[in-house]
Amino acid sequence: MPIIARHNQTYRSEGHIPSEDWPADCRVQWGGSGLVLKSGGGSYGTAFFEAFPSEGGFFRGEGETLAAAEADCLEKYLRYTRCDHLWGRGTYTNGGAICRRCRAFMTRFKPIPRLGKHLDPISVMELDLAMDGACRPGPRADPARDRYARRLFLRLARAGIRLPDPDEAGPDYAAACLDVILSWYCENRSEVDLGAGGGIAGLFDQLALRRLEREAA
């Protein structure tokens, strides 16, 4: 029996019991009415089943029922285990890879840096993260997140956002960051990348923008 997500063990089990064909160290989750955003716009609802094997990778199946969604997901995983993989970047530049034979996804490469990225306008998502204190100095358990936080701190400083000193801000560092960022945002709205993409990224951009406008008001 795989490792079932906590929410599927309690209030969202929907009476579904996953197959014993999954490895015992594989984490799984599911839902009977997931919302999928299409890259070209629009959306649709579907039952879904997602698996996160311990060796890495991510597998998702969809179907009219949870059983059909799990069968779709399990078939993709079994195809992956039988494949002599040939990994390629595809369109990914963040380290993600697609097997050219079984179409499985996994992080296999180092991200490709884009020259001049530090000159991009500050995005609403970056402001949203900073408002929650994500740039607080100090080592994190995940080195990648630590590097991202330091880069974001420098990008904000370059744009003129001087985040408060954690020692002087007291225990509520996030509240102090919120004040600084909102003050800057009210004077520099035109310099913010409001995001115009579709899919999940576009949805998160819109949610972050609504929060900014609500807080600024």
Protein backbone atom coordinates (compact mmCIF):
# COMPACT_ATOMS: atom_id res chain seq x y z
CA MET A 1 0.00 0.00 0.00
CA PRO A 2 1.44 3.43 -0.94
CA ILE A 3 1.75 6.41 1.42
CA ILE A 4 -1.58 8.25 1.23
CA ALA A 5 -1.68 12.04 1.56
CA ARG A 6 -3.06 13.17 4.91
CA HIS A 7 -6.07 14.94 3.42
CA ASN A 8 -7.04 11.77 1.53
CA GLN A 9 -6.89 9.79 4.75
CA THR A 10 -9.54 11.99 6.34
CA TYR A 11 -11.97 14.44 4.84
CA ARG A 12 -11.19 13.80 1.14
CA SER A 13 -10.88 10.04 0.92
CA GLU A 14 -14.05 9.94 -1.25
CA GLY A 15 -14.20 6.22 -0.45
CA HIS A 16 -11.25 5.48 -2.74
CA ILE A 17 -8.63 2.88 -1.79
CA PRO A 18 -5.46 3.01 -3.91
CA SER A 19 -4.08 -0.04 -5.68
CA GLU A 20 -1.52 -2.23 -3.95
CA ASP A 21 0.49 -2.20 -7.17
CA TRP A 22 2.13 1.07 -6.09
CA PRO A 23 5.48 0.81 -4.24
CA ALA A 24 5.15 1.10 -0.46
CA ASP A 25 7.34 4.25 -0.40
CA CYS A 26 5.38 6.04 -3.15
CA ARG A 27 3.25 9.00 -2.05
CA VAL A 28 -0.17 9.40 -3.67
CA GLN A 29 -3.10 11.78 -3.61
CA TRP A 30 -6.34 12.13 -5.53
CA GLY A 31 -9.53 14.10 -6.05
CA GLY A 32 -12.85 13.48 -7.74
CA SER A 33 -13.31 16.96 -9.19
CA GLY A 34 -10.00 18.61 -10.03
CA LEU A 35 -9.87 21.83 -12.07
CA VAL A 36 -7.39 21.86 -14.97
CA LEU A 37 -6.42 25.14 -16.65
CA LYS A 38 -5.64 24.85 -20.37
CA SER A 39 -2.49 26.57 -21.62
CA GLY A 40 -4.47 28.37 -24.32
CA GLY A 41 -7.21 29.49 -21.94
CA GLY A 42 -10.30 27.84 -20.53
CA SER A 43 -10.55 24.95 -18.09
CA TYR A 44 -12.20 21.60 -17.47
CA GLY A 45 -13.04 19.40 -14.49
CA THR A 46 -11.85 15.83 -14.06
CA ALA A 47 -11.11 13.15 -11.50
CA PHE A 48 -7.34 12.92 -10.98
CA PHE A 49 -4.75 10.74 -9.28
CA GLU A 50 -1.16 11.85 -8.62
CA ALA A 51 1.88 9.80 -7.58
CA PHE A 52 5.29 10.89 -6.27
CA PRO A 53 7.71 7.92 -6.27
CA SER A 54 10.58 8.00 -3.76
CA GLU A 55 13.14 7.88 -6.59
CA GLY A 56 11.78 11.14 -7.96
CA GLY A 57 9.43 12.18 -10.72
CA PHE A 58 5.74 12.98 -10.85
CA PHE A 59 2.88 11.08 -12.45
CA ARG A 60 -0.70 12.23 -12.95
CA GLY A 61 -3.68 10.41 -14.34
CA GLU A 62 -7.12 11.71 -15.26
CA GLY A 63 -10.44 10.02 -15.94
CA GLU A 64 -14.19 10.12 -15.51
CA THR A 65 -13.87 8.29 -12.17
CA LEU A 66 -11.17 8.01 -9.52
CA ALA A 67 -10.60 4.39 -10.50
CA ALA A 68 -10.05 5.38 -14.12
CA ALA A 69 -7.75 8.24 -13.10
CA GLU A 70 -5.65 5.93 -10.94
CA ALA A 71 -5.46 3.31 -13.71
CA ASP A 72 -4.23 6.02 -16.10
CA CYS A 73 -1.62 7.19 -13.58
CA LEU A 74 -0.45 3.67 -12.73
CA GLU A 75 -0.07 2.79 -16.42
CA LYS A 76 2.19 5.83 -16.90
CA TYR A 77 4.27 4.85 -13.88
CA LEU A 78 4.66 1.22 -14.99
CA ARG A 79 5.63 2.38 -18.47
CA TYR A 80 8.28 4.56 -16.82
CA THR A 81 9.70 1.63 -14.79
CA ARG A 82 10.03 -0.52 -17.94
CA CYS A 83 11.66 2.20 -20.03
CA ASP A 84 15.33 2.56 -20.96
CA HIS A 85 15.12 6.33 -20.59
CA LEU A 86 16.46 8.91 -23.00
CA TRP A 87 16.14 12.24 -21.21
CA GLY A 88 15.87 15.58 -22.98
CA ARG A 89 15.09 19.11 -21.84
CA GLY A 90 12.19 19.61 -24.22
CA THR A 91 10.98 23.17 -23.56
CA TYR A 92 12.12 23.19 -19.92
CA THR A 93 14.93 25.49 -18.81
CA ASN A 94 14.48 24.97 -15.04
CA GLY A 95 16.13 21.54 -14.87
CA GLY A 96 13.04 19.55 -15.79
CA ALA A 97 13.38 16.74 -18.32
CA ILE A 98 11.06 14.65 -20.48
CA CYS A 99 11.92 11.09 -21.48
CA ARG A 100 11.73 10.92 -25.27
CA ARG A 101 10.52 7.33 -25.07
CA CYS A 102 7.95 7.07 -22.25
CA ARG A 103 7.24 10.83 -21.84
CA ALA A 104 7.87 10.71 -18.06
CA PHE A 105 8.88 13.94 -16.32
CA MET A 106 11.75 14.30 -13.85
CA THR A 107 14.29 16.88 -12.75
CA ARG A 108 17.54 15.70 -14.34
CA PHE A 109 19.50 18.79 -15.38
CA LYS A 110 20.81 22.00 -13.92
CA PRO A 111 18.69 25.08 -14.73
CA ILE A 112 19.78 27.16 -17.71
CA PRO A 113 20.42 30.73 -16.51
CA ARG A 114 19.07 33.52 -18.66
CA LEU A 115 21.43 36.44 -19.11
CA GLY A 116 19.92 39.70 -17.93
CA LYS A 117 17.23 38.04 -15.84
CA HIS A 118 18.19 40.19 -12.85
CA LEU A 119 17.11 43.23 -14.88
CA ASP A 120 13.51 42.01 -15.28
CA PRO A 121 10.78 44.09 -13.61
CA ILE A 122 9.77 42.88 -10.14
CA SER A 123 6.79 40.55 -10.47
CA VAL A 124 3.65 40.50 -8.35
CA MET A 125 4.56 37.00 -7.19
CA GLU A 126 7.95 38.22 -5.95
CA LEU A 127 6.28 41.05 -4.05
CA ASP A 128 3.79 38.61 -2.58
CA LEU A 129 6.55 36.31 -1.33
CA ALA A 130 8.55 39.18 0.14
CA MET A 131 5.46 40.48 1.97
CA ASP A 132 5.34 37.16 3.81
CA GLY A 133 8.95 37.51 4.96
CA ALA A 134 10.42 35.04 2.44
CA CYS A 135 13.62 37.09 2.14
CA ARG A 136 14.53 36.89 5.83
CA PRO A 137 18.30 36.22 6.04
CA GLY A 138 19.56 32.93 7.42
CA PRO A 139 20.24 29.39 6.22
CA ARG A 140 17.32 27.17 5.27
CA ALA A 141 16.97 23.42 5.17
CA ASP A 142 16.74 23.63 1.38
CA PRO A 143 19.85 25.30 -0.13
CA ALA A 144 17.97 26.07 -3.35
CA ARG A 145 15.33 28.05 -1.44
CA ASP A 146 18.08 29.86 0.44
CA ARG A 147 19.73 30.90 -2.84
CA TYR A 148 16.38 32.04 -4.24
CA ALA A 149 15.68 34.14 -1.13
CA ARG A 150 19.08 35.85 -1.39
CA ARG A 151 18.62 36.57 -5.09
CA LEU A 152 15.16 37.98 -4.48
CA PHE A 153 16.50 40.20 -1.68
CA LEU A 154 19.09 41.65 -4.08
CA ARG A 155 16.55 42.12 -6.89
CA LEU A 156 14.24 44.00 -4.55
CA ALA A 157 17.11 46.17 -3.32
CA ARG A 158 18.06 47.00 -6.91
CA ALA A 159 14.47 48.14 -7.53
CA GLY A 160 14.65 50.42 -4.49
CA ILE A 161 12.89 48.18 -1.96
CA ARG A 162 15.01 48.23 1.18
CA LEU A 163 13.65 45.49 3.38
CA PRO A 164 13.91 46.01 7.14
CA ASP A 165 16.65 44.63 9.35
CA PRO A 166 15.23 41.50 11.05
CA ASP A 167 16.89 42.43 14.36
CA GLU A 168 15.27 45.87 14.36
CA ALA A 169 11.89 44.67 13.03
CA GLY A 170 11.27 42.43 16.02
CA PRO A 171 9.38 39.14 15.95
CA ASP A 172 6.94 40.15 13.22
CA TYR A 173 9.38 40.55 10.36
CA ALA A 174 6.73 39.83 7.73
CA ALA A 175 4.54 42.73 8.93
CA ALA A 176 7.51 45.09 8.66
CA CYS A 177 8.22 43.84 5.13
CA LEU A 178 4.55 44.33 4.22
CA ASP A 179 4.69 48.02 5.15
CA VAL A 180 7.84 48.65 3.12
CA ILE A 181 6.59 46.83 0.04
CA LEU A 182 3.14 48.43 0.02
CA SER A 183 4.70 51.88 0.33
CA TRP A 184 6.94 51.14 -2.66
CA TYR A 185 4.11 49.57 -4.67
CA CYS A 186 1.81 52.56 -4.27
CA GLU A 187 4.48 54.78 -5.83
CA ASN A 188 5.79 52.35 -8.47
CA ARG A 189 2.84 50.37 -9.82
CA SER A 190 3.95 51.01 -13.41
CA GLU A 191 7.30 49.26 -12.77
CA VAL A 192 5.73 45.96 -11.68
CA ASP A 193 5.36 42.97 -14.01
CA LEU A 194 1.66 42.18 -13.52
CA GLY A 195 1.88 38.89 -15.41
CA ALA A 196 -0.08 38.05 -18.53
CA GLY A 197 0.43 34.33 -18.86
CA GLY A 198 -2.20 31.61 -18.74
CA GLY A 199 -2.44 28.38 -16.80
CA ILE A 200 -1.48 27.98 -13.17
CA ALA A 201 1.18 30.72 -13.31
CA GLY A 202 -1.37 33.23 -14.59
CA LEU A 203 -3.83 32.24 -11.86
CA PHE A 204 -1.22 32.77 -9.13
CA ASP A 205 -0.27 36.13 -10.65
CA GLN A 206 -3.89 37.26 -10.47
CA LEU A 207 -4.28 36.10 -6.86
CA ALA A 208 -1.08 37.92 -5.87
CA LEU A 209 -2.21 41.08 -7.67
CA ARG A 210 -5.57 41.04 -5.91
CA ARG A 211 -3.84 40.76 -2.57
CA LEU A 212 -1.53 43.67 -3.41
CA GLU A 213 -4.41 45.88 -4.48
CA ARG A 214 -6.45 44.92 -1.43
CA GLU A 215 -3.62 45.62 0.99
CA ALA A 216 -2.69 48.86 -0.77
CA ALA A 217 -6.28 50.08 -0.53
